Protein backbone atom coordinates (compact mmCIF):
# COMPACT_ATOMS: atom_id res chain seq x y z
CA MET A 1 99.53 136.51 97.97
CA ALA A 2 100.69 132.85 97.45
CA ALA A 3 98.77 131.28 94.50
CA LEU A 4 98.29 128.01 92.74
CA LEU A 5 95.80 127.54 89.79
CA LEU A 6 94.91 124.15 88.74
CA THR A 7 93.91 123.67 85.18
CA GLY A 8 92.42 121.47 82.91
CA GLY A 9 91.24 118.62 85.26
CA ARG A 10 87.85 116.96 85.93
CA VAL A 11 86.81 118.71 89.47
CA LEU A 12 85.06 116.06 91.24
CA ASP A 13 83.73 117.39 94.79
CA PRO A 14 80.98 114.91 96.30
CA ALA A 15 79.94 117.29 99.02
CA ASN A 16 78.86 119.87 96.94
CA LYS A 17 77.73 117.64 94.03
CA LEU A 18 79.96 118.91 91.49
CA ASP A 19 81.39 116.92 88.59
CA SER A 20 82.85 119.43 85.81
CA LYS A 21 86.00 119.58 83.81
CA THR A 22 87.00 123.04 84.85
CA ASP A 23 89.61 124.95 86.90
CA LEU A 24 90.51 125.70 90.32
CA LEU A 25 92.00 128.59 92.00
CA ILE A 26 93.86 128.45 95.61
CA VAL A 27 94.95 131.54 97.06
CA ASP A 28 96.71 131.85 100.73
CA GLY A 29 95.91 128.27 101.39
CA LYS A 30 92.03 128.42 100.87
CA ILE A 31 89.77 127.68 98.15
CA ALA A 32 89.40 131.13 96.23
CA VAL A 33 87.26 129.99 92.96
CA VAL A 34 85.88 126.87 91.21
CA GLY A 35 85.10 127.26 87.61
CA LYS A 36 85.69 129.13 84.50
CA ASP A 37 86.59 132.16 86.44
CA ALA A 38 89.71 130.91 88.25
CA ALA A 39 92.19 131.63 85.43
CA LYS A 40 90.58 135.28 85.13
CA ASN A 41 91.03 135.93 88.90
CA ALA A 42 94.35 134.33 89.04
CA PRO A 43 97.23 136.52 90.25
CA ALA A 44 99.88 137.32 87.77
CA ASP A 45 102.58 135.49 89.80
CA ALA A 46 100.10 132.58 90.77
CA GLU A 47 101.83 129.16 90.02
CA ARG A 48 100.23 127.14 87.46
CA LEU A 49 99.70 123.34 87.40
CA ASP A 50 98.35 121.49 84.15
CA VAL A 51 96.17 118.41 85.36
CA SER A 52 94.41 117.69 82.01
CA GLY A 53 92.94 114.40 81.97
CA GLN A 54 93.32 113.80 85.54
CA ILE A 55 90.92 113.96 88.87
CA VAL A 56 91.08 117.11 91.05
CA CYS A 57 89.02 116.40 94.22
CA PRO A 58 88.89 117.35 97.90
CA GLY A 59 91.96 116.31 99.81
CA LEU A 60 91.63 112.24 100.67
CA ILE A 61 91.16 111.46 104.26
CA ASP A 62 92.07 108.13 105.80
CA LEU A 63 90.59 107.85 109.41
CA HIS A 64 92.48 104.72 110.49
CA ALA A 65 96.18 104.69 110.58
CA HIS A 66 98.89 103.69 112.41
CA LEU A 67 101.86 106.17 112.94
CA ARG A 68 103.51 104.47 115.76
CA GLU A 69 104.67 107.74 117.75
CA PRO A 70 105.36 107.48 120.47
CA GLY A 71 107.25 104.58 121.44
CA GLN A 72 107.63 102.35 118.28
CA SER A 73 109.54 104.63 116.01
CA ALA A 74 111.53 101.50 114.72
CA LYS A 75 108.44 100.88 112.57
CA GLU A 76 107.37 104.43 111.40
CA THR A 77 107.41 107.96 112.48
CA ILE A 78 105.35 110.74 111.96
CA ALA A 79 107.76 112.21 109.27
CA THR A 80 107.80 108.91 107.48
CA GLY A 81 103.99 108.08 108.00
CA THR A 82 102.82 111.47 106.58
CA ALA A 83 105.28 111.11 103.45
CA SER A 84 104.13 108.08 102.87
CA ALA A 85 100.25 109.32 103.08
CA ALA A 86 100.88 111.97 100.74
CA LYS A 87 102.62 109.81 98.28
CA GLY A 88 99.10 107.89 98.35
CA GLY A 89 97.34 111.19 97.62
CA PHE A 90 95.97 111.72 101.41
CA THR A 91 95.85 115.03 102.85
CA SER A 92 94.55 113.79 106.01
CA ILE A 93 95.26 111.00 108.37
CA VAL A 94 93.85 110.13 111.67
CA CYS A 95 96.52 108.07 113.87
CA MET A 96 95.03 105.39 116.25
CA PRO A 97 95.91 105.66 120.37
CA ASN A 98 97.95 102.21 120.53
CA THR A 99 100.92 103.75 120.83
CA ALA A 100 103.61 103.32 123.81
CA PRO A 101 102.62 104.92 126.19
CA ALA A 102 98.83 104.78 124.89
CA ILE A 103 97.15 108.07 123.67
CA ASP A 104 94.99 108.22 127.00
CA ASN A 105 95.87 111.24 128.42
CA THR A 106 96.11 114.91 127.27
CA SER A 107 99.94 115.38 127.27
CA THR A 108 100.25 112.22 124.64
CA VAL A 109 97.76 113.99 122.67
CA ALA A 110 99.67 117.32 123.07
CA LEU A 111 102.88 115.19 122.02
CA ILE A 112 101.78 114.30 119.08
CA ARG A 113 99.95 117.19 117.71
CA GLU A 114 102.92 119.14 118.16
CA LYS A 115 105.51 116.41 116.42
CA ALA A 116 103.04 116.31 113.42
CA ALA A 117 102.76 120.38 113.03
CA ARG A 118 106.58 120.23 112.96
CA GLU A 119 107.31 117.38 111.10
CA GLY A 120 104.31 116.19 109.19
CA LEU A 121 103.65 116.52 105.72
CA VAL A 122 100.04 116.19 105.93
CA ASN A 123 97.13 117.13 108.45
CA VAL A 124 97.02 114.53 111.53
CA PHE A 125 94.22 114.20 113.55
CA VAL A 126 94.52 112.18 116.98
CA THR A 127 91.94 109.66 118.39
CA GLY A 128 92.25 109.14 122.09
CA ALA A 129 91.80 105.73 123.86
CA ILE A 130 88.33 104.55 125.59
CA SER A 131 90.23 102.78 128.45
CA LYS A 132 93.25 103.69 130.39
CA GLY A 133 96.16 101.91 128.65
CA ILE A 134 93.86 100.56 126.30
CA ALA A 135 93.36 97.85 129.00
CA GLY A 136 89.88 97.76 128.72
CA GLU A 137 89.22 98.01 132.64
CA GLU A 138 88.77 101.54 133.17
CA LEU A 139 87.59 104.38 131.30
CA ALA A 140 90.04 107.12 129.99
CA SER A 141 89.41 110.90 130.68
CA ILE A 142 87.35 111.24 127.66
CA GLY A 143 86.18 114.96 128.49
CA SER A 144 89.85 115.93 128.95
CA LEU A 145 90.80 113.98 125.56
CA LYS A 146 88.23 115.69 123.73
CA LYS A 147 89.63 119.28 125.14
CA ALA A 148 93.03 118.28 124.27
CA GLY A 149 91.73 117.70 120.25
CA VAL A 150 91.23 114.37 119.97
CA VAL A 151 88.66 113.73 116.92
CA ALA A 152 87.20 110.29 118.55
CA VAL A 153 88.01 107.72 121.08
CA THR A 154 88.99 103.86 120.20
CA ASP A 155 90.89 101.25 121.69
CA ASP A 156 91.76 100.17 118.30
CA GLY A 157 94.15 96.97 118.31
CA HIS A 158 92.18 96.05 121.05
CA CYS A 159 88.41 95.68 121.87
CA VAL A 160 86.85 96.41 125.03
CA GLN A 161 85.36 93.36 126.40
CA ASN A 162 83.12 94.56 129.59
CA ASN A 163 79.81 95.56 127.81
CA ASP A 164 78.98 97.81 130.51
CA LEU A 165 82.19 99.70 130.40
CA MET A 166 81.43 100.17 126.60
CA ARG A 167 78.25 101.33 127.42
CA ARG A 168 79.59 104.04 129.71
CA ALA A 169 81.95 105.09 127.01
CA CYS A 170 79.16 105.83 124.43
CA GLU A 171 77.19 107.89 126.65
CA TYR A 172 80.31 109.89 127.77
CA ALA A 173 81.20 109.81 124.13
CA LYS A 174 77.87 111.63 123.23
CA MET A 175 77.99 114.20 125.75
CA PHE A 176 80.99 114.93 124.19
CA ASP A 177 80.00 114.87 120.60
CA LEU A 178 82.58 112.01 119.71
CA PRO A 179 82.42 109.48 117.93
CA VAL A 180 83.37 105.80 118.99
CA MET A 181 85.27 103.71 116.87
CA ASP A 182 85.66 100.16 117.90
CA HIS A 183 87.92 97.28 116.91
CA CYS A 184 85.42 94.36 116.54
CA GLN A 185 86.85 91.32 118.24
CA ASP A 186 85.32 88.72 120.98
CA TYR A 187 88.31 87.42 122.54
CA SER A 188 86.52 84.36 123.68
CA LEU A 189 85.44 83.45 120.19
CA VAL A 190 88.79 84.26 118.87
CA THR A 191 91.05 82.88 121.42
CA ASP A 192 94.30 82.49 119.70
CA GLY A 193 93.38 82.42 116.09
CA VAL A 194 96.04 83.54 113.41
CA MET A 195 93.77 83.63 110.20
CA HIS A 196 89.95 82.95 108.98
CA GLU A 197 88.27 79.72 110.08
CA GLY A 198 87.62 77.61 107.28
CA TYR A 199 89.04 75.20 104.62
CA TRP A 200 91.94 76.91 104.13
CA SER A 201 92.94 77.11 108.09
CA THR A 202 92.30 73.44 108.25
CA VAL A 203 94.58 72.68 105.59
CA LEU A 204 97.27 74.85 106.54
CA GLY A 205 97.02 73.57 110.19
CA LEU A 206 96.87 77.61 111.66
CA ARG A 207 94.19 78.18 114.11
CA GLY A 208 91.08 79.23 112.81
CA TRP A 209 89.43 83.00 113.66
CA PRO A 210 85.83 82.70 113.21
CA SER A 211 83.62 85.63 111.62
CA ALA A 212 81.58 85.23 114.89
CA GLY A 213 84.28 86.60 116.50
CA GLU A 214 83.73 89.94 114.69
CA GLU A 215 79.97 89.70 114.10
CA MET A 216 79.24 89.17 117.79
CA ILE A 217 80.94 92.84 118.69
CA VAL A 218 79.23 94.30 115.58
CA ALA A 219 76.00 93.14 117.16
CA ARG A 220 76.70 94.54 120.70
CA ASN A 221 77.81 97.95 119.18
CA ILE A 222 74.42 98.16 117.08
CA LEU A 223 72.43 97.65 120.64
CA LEU A 224 74.78 100.15 122.55
CA ALA A 225 74.43 102.76 119.62
CA GLU A 226 70.50 102.04 119.78
CA LEU A 227 70.25 102.61 123.32
CA THR A 228 72.67 105.61 123.99
CA GLY A 229 72.28 107.40 120.81
CA ALA A 230 76.07 107.44 120.28
CA ASN A 231 77.56 107.31 117.35
CA VAL A 232 79.23 104.02 116.82
CA HIS A 233 81.49 103.16 114.27
CA CYS A 234 82.77 99.58 113.40
CA GLN A 235 86.23 99.43 112.28
CA HIS A 236 87.94 97.45 109.22
CA LEU A 237 84.73 95.14 108.53
CA SER A 238 85.89 91.86 107.29
CA ALA A 239 82.61 89.28 107.47
CA ALA A 240 79.55 89.02 105.89
CA GLY A 241 77.39 88.84 108.94
CA SER A 242 78.97 92.04 110.10
CA VAL A 243 77.54 94.00 106.68
CA ALA A 244 74.27 92.27 106.98
CA LEU A 245 73.95 93.39 110.58
CA ILE A 246 74.65 97.04 109.97
CA ARG A 247 72.71 97.15 107.01
CA GLU A 248 69.71 96.01 108.77
CA ALA A 249 70.48 98.25 111.80
CA LYS A 250 70.67 101.37 109.76
CA LYS A 251 67.18 100.75 107.89
CA ARG A 252 66.05 101.27 111.71
CA GLY A 253 68.08 104.77 112.04
CA VAL A 254 70.41 103.17 113.93
CA PRO A 255 73.58 105.60 114.43
CA ILE A 256 75.78 103.02 113.24
CA SER A 257 78.68 103.02 110.43
CA GLY A 258 81.54 100.87 109.16
CA GLU A 259 84.47 100.99 107.30
CA ALA A 260 86.15 98.41 104.84
CA CYS A 261 90.10 98.13 103.91
CA PRO A 262 91.56 97.34 100.46
CA HIS A 263 92.82 94.29 101.50
CA HIS A 264 89.71 92.60 102.72
CA PHE A 265 87.94 93.72 99.44
CA THR A 266 90.67 92.36 97.25
CA LEU A 267 92.54 89.39 98.99
CA THR A 268 91.02 86.02 100.69
CA ASP A 269 92.15 83.93 103.02
CA ALA A 270 93.46 81.22 100.03
CA CYS A 271 96.52 83.86 99.96
CA VAL A 272 97.87 82.26 102.75
CA ALA A 273 98.33 79.13 100.86
CA GLY A 274 99.94 80.80 98.24
CA SER A 275 98.26 82.51 95.32
CA GLU A 276 99.38 83.91 91.82
CA LYS A 277 100.93 87.41 91.84
CA PHE A 278 99.37 88.89 89.21
CA TRP A 279 95.85 90.35 88.91
CA ALA A 280 92.64 88.23 87.35
CA THR A 281 88.74 88.77 86.88
CA ASP A 282 86.24 85.94 87.79
CA GLY A 283 84.04 86.85 85.17
CA LYS A 284 82.12 89.24 86.85
CA GLY A 285 84.91 92.38 86.64
CA ILE A 286 86.37 91.46 89.99
CA TYR A 287 90.06 92.06 90.07
CA SER A 288 91.21 89.70 92.56
CA SER A 289 94.39 87.38 93.52
CA ARG A 290 93.99 83.71 91.97
CA LEU A 291 95.40 80.58 93.24
CA ALA A 292 98.11 79.42 90.88
CA PRO A 293 96.63 76.59 88.71
CA ASP A 294 99.93 74.51 88.29
CA ALA A 295 103.52 74.83 89.55
CA SER A 296 104.67 76.46 86.62
CA ARG A 297 102.92 79.85 87.41
CA PRO A 298 104.55 82.26 89.69
CA SER A 299 103.24 82.27 93.32
CA TRP A 300 103.50 83.52 96.94
CA PRO A 301 105.17 81.33 99.36
CA SER A 302 102.63 79.55 101.81
CA TYR A 303 102.64 81.04 105.39
CA ASP A 304 103.55 84.49 104.05
CA THR A 305 103.34 86.79 106.94
CA ASN A 306 102.63 89.83 104.95
CA PHE A 307 98.92 88.15 104.55
CA LYS A 308 98.45 87.93 108.19
CA MET A 309 96.38 90.78 109.46
CA ASN A 310 93.67 91.71 112.21
CA PRO A 311 90.98 91.20 111.18
CA PRO A 312 91.99 88.51 109.02
CA LEU A 313 91.53 87.84 105.50
CA ARG A 314 88.21 85.70 104.97
CA SER A 315 86.79 83.89 102.38
CA ALA A 316 85.52 84.91 98.69
CA ALA A 317 81.93 85.09 99.96
CA ASP A 318 83.11 87.46 102.55
CA ARG A 319 84.76 89.64 100.06
CA GLU A 320 81.89 89.45 98.01
CA ALA A 321 79.92 90.95 100.66
CA ILE A 322 82.31 93.62 101.75
CA LEU A 323 82.01 94.69 97.87
CA ALA A 324 78.42 94.58 98.26
CA GLY A 325 78.19 96.76 101.24
CA LEU A 326 80.44 99.00 99.71
CA ALA A 327 78.28 99.03 96.44
CA ASP A 328 74.89 99.82 98.20
CA GLY A 329 76.21 102.22 100.73
CA THR A 330 76.06 100.21 104.10
CA ILE A 331 79.80 100.40 104.23
CA GLU A 332 80.37 104.28 104.08
CA ILE A 333 83.93 104.76 104.75
CA LEU A 334 87.26 103.56 103.03
CA CYS A 335 90.74 103.56 104.96
CA SER A 336 93.81 101.47 105.05
CA ASP A 337 94.70 100.37 108.58
CA HIS A 338 98.17 101.44 107.80
CA ALA A 339 100.13 99.04 110.12
CA PRO A 340 103.85 99.24 109.72
CA HIS A 341 106.03 96.55 111.15
CA CYS A 342 109.96 95.95 111.36
CA ASP A 343 111.10 93.38 108.82
CA TYR A 344 112.48 91.44 111.73
CA GLU A 345 109.25 91.05 113.10
CA LYS A 346 107.37 89.69 110.03
CA GLU A 347 110.27 87.35 108.93
CA VAL A 348 109.33 84.59 111.58
CA GLU A 349 106.86 81.25 111.60
CA PHE A 350 103.23 83.01 111.00
CA ASP A 351 101.91 82.06 114.52
CA TYR A 352 104.50 84.67 116.30
CA ALA A 353 104.38 87.31 113.29
CA PRO A 354 102.28 90.46 114.32
CA PHE A 355 99.46 91.47 112.34
CA GLY A 356 98.99 94.29 110.03
CA ILE A 357 100.67 95.40 106.77
CA THR A 358 101.16 99.14 105.10
CA GLY A 359 98.51 100.70 103.08
CA PHE A 360 98.64 104.42 102.50
CA GLU A 361 100.70 103.96 98.77
CA VAL A 362 98.29 101.39 97.04
CA GLU A 363 94.75 102.04 98.56
CA LEU A 364 93.47 104.30 96.30
CA SER A 365 94.77 102.20 93.49
CA LEU A 366 93.13 98.89 94.66
CA SER A 367 90.04 100.75 95.64
CA LEU A 368 89.46 102.37 91.90
CA MET A 369 90.34 98.88 90.67
CA GLN A 370 87.89 97.09 92.45
CA LEU A 371 84.82 99.39 92.89
CA VAL A 372 85.14 101.90 90.05
CA HIS A 373 86.99 99.94 87.20
CA ALA A 374 84.89 96.77 88.08
CA LYS A 375 82.07 99.06 87.64
CA ARG A 376 80.61 98.41 91.03
CA LEU A 377 80.48 102.26 92.20
CA PRO A 378 80.33 105.68 90.50
CA LEU A 379 83.83 107.62 90.78
CA ALA A 380 81.99 110.39 92.71
CA ASP A 381 80.56 107.48 95.53
CA LEU A 382 84.16 106.39 95.88
CA ILE A 383 85.68 109.81 96.02
CA ALA A 384 82.85 110.36 98.85
CA LYS A 385 84.29 107.29 100.97
CA TYR A 386 87.80 109.01 101.44
CA THR A 387 86.63 112.51 101.85
CA ALA A 388 82.96 113.71 102.77
CA ASN A 389 81.70 110.56 104.57
CA PRO A 390 84.84 110.59 107.18
CA ALA A 391 84.75 114.20 107.30
CA LYS A 392 81.10 113.81 108.25
CA LEU A 393 81.77 111.31 111.07
CA LEU A 394 84.74 112.87 112.71
CA ARG A 395 83.02 116.48 112.37
CA LEU A 396 86.04 117.58 110.59
CA ALA A 397 86.21 120.82 108.48
CA LYS A 398 87.59 118.72 105.39
CA GLY A 399 86.72 116.83 102.65
CA THR A 400 85.16 119.60 100.48
CA LEU A 401 86.11 122.42 97.70
CA SER A 402 83.81 124.96 98.70
CA VAL A 403 85.17 128.50 98.47
CA GLY A 404 86.70 129.57 101.64
CA ALA A 405 87.69 125.57 102.74
CA ASP A 406 91.18 124.75 103.41
CA ALA A 407 93.07 124.01 100.49
CA ASP A 408 93.45 120.36 100.52
CA VAL A 409 93.50 118.84 97.21
CA THR A 410 94.23 115.37 95.79
CA VAL A 411 94.85 115.22 92.19
CA PHE A 412 95.31 111.65 90.53
CA ASP A 413 94.92 109.89 87.47
CA PRO A 414 92.44 106.65 87.27
CA ASP A 415 93.53 105.15 84.74
CA ARG A 416 97.22 105.34 85.13
CA GLU A 417 99.11 101.78 85.09
CA TRP A 418 102.07 101.19 87.78
CA VAL A 419 103.71 98.93 89.62
CA PHE A 420 104.14 99.26 93.43
CA THR A 421 107.89 98.23 94.27
CA ARG A 422 109.46 98.01 97.82
CA GLU A 423 112.03 100.34 96.82
CA ALA A 424 109.61 103.27 95.87
CA THR A 425 107.75 103.28 99.29
CA ALA A 426 108.17 106.11 101.36
CA SER A 427 107.04 104.22 104.63
CA LYS A 428 109.61 103.30 107.02
CA SER A 429 108.02 99.86 106.71
CA THR A 430 108.00 97.34 104.02
CA ASN A 431 105.58 94.77 105.06
CA ASN A 432 103.07 94.46 102.14
CA PRO A 433 101.59 92.18 100.20
CA PHE A 434 101.10 94.06 97.16
CA TYR A 435 104.63 94.74 95.88
CA GLY A 436 104.80 93.98 92.19
CA TRP A 437 101.19 94.06 91.31
CA PRO A 438 100.16 96.06 88.13
CA LEU A 439 97.81 98.65 89.75
CA LYS A 440 95.31 101.01 87.93
CA GLY A 441 94.78 104.55 89.11
CA LYS A 442 97.46 106.90 90.78
CA ALA A 443 97.70 110.04 92.63
CA THR A 444 99.91 112.61 90.87
CA ALA A 445 100.00 115.40 93.05
CA THR A 446 98.99 116.06 96.97
CA ILE A 447 98.22 119.71 97.97
CA VAL A 448 97.98 120.58 101.69
CA GLY A 449 96.69 124.02 102.66
CA GLY A 450 97.52 125.20 99.34
CA LYS A 451 101.22 123.90 99.09
CA VAL A 452 102.21 120.88 96.93
CA VAL A 453 103.83 118.87 99.55
CA TRP A 454 104.25 115.63 96.85
CA SER A 455 103.90 115.47 93.18
CA GLU A 456 105.00 112.62 90.94
CA LYS A 457 106.50 115.17 88.64
CA ASP A 458 109.07 116.33 91.06
CA GLU A 459 109.88 113.11 92.09
CA LEU A 460 110.45 111.63 88.46
CA VAL A 461 112.57 115.15 88.50
CA ALA A 462 114.48 114.45 91.61
CA ALA A 463 115.12 110.81 90.59
């Protein structure tokens, strides 16, 4: 038997309401024993891992990521993307369907699943497109996609503008017990905006992207979820109005949910104008970037395209609303929207650069800093947003340390201080605004199916 014994850690499993300093035994890729009897039941030849002073939790799940295969492997591959995810502490990731070709047919689903099984370091779950070619004109074969193994449908990267088509998508998805995930963007309001519409877009002379462009589709999705009974999930929320709409709908029992990304609850649109390259607090314990108070302080250049994302970074009030939504449970899930791009694509004028940043390797740290260390959220609640909650939404047999469950485990030190560097990333792309930032909290080992696929210790030895 292949066995692994983790000793001395604080085992935290929100799905089972477990929070205890104890041991964990893994045998043949499954959770065998959790508790004081783990060491006693461990085979004599079991590998032992001392995780004293660290958190041991169910393997983290990122339900929103772009792996770029097939068709865009210059940006990322399944091999490099999963390596980056493992380094960030993630044992399962969910890839979006805006590839080339789009994941709107069973053949492409099979291709990705086979390649992930062969080359991936972590579990890769696949989403299927809502519409053919992600064009928003004709429904994809949702039933066939379900049979091929997709865990949700979404046109992420695009948004279905035709409300009747979206209604039919919700009805079909409900028949096949699939959640509908939606990138909320009303094209008629957003038009050709490239950053949040407000003070800084005016100062910088960049075309504005109003919050209403997101809020309009969130409202639409709430109405359709209520009408059809389908589980509708709003992706990468960024606007205060979106949080308020979902909060009110949840009180009425509407099957609506939402997710947030660390860049939206850490940064603001002021970053596009140039801001200090270090952390500060605003008196409320919120870690955030600050505008440089004088020319002598280090700052980013204005119009840095690593701050261009979809939806855009918004105002400080919007950021506060996202944080509040995470704290009160309105927003149930955290994710990265990992969106790699080639350097040459980002090294152009702000108007012409693609939207998006990488995120796997810093999202846990940023979430710990903004939510746990800032005393907005208990650690168990944060872990639930990365484990039990996404597993529940996508009907995955993951996100738990129950005996008999798959041995997907994340070990991290919530107090580890470190600096993220361009040279250290495992991703194929480097479009990230957090290089050089002092961070707090870091994954130290990632275990998938009972096998240690990445550990900080092994990486240091190799270096």
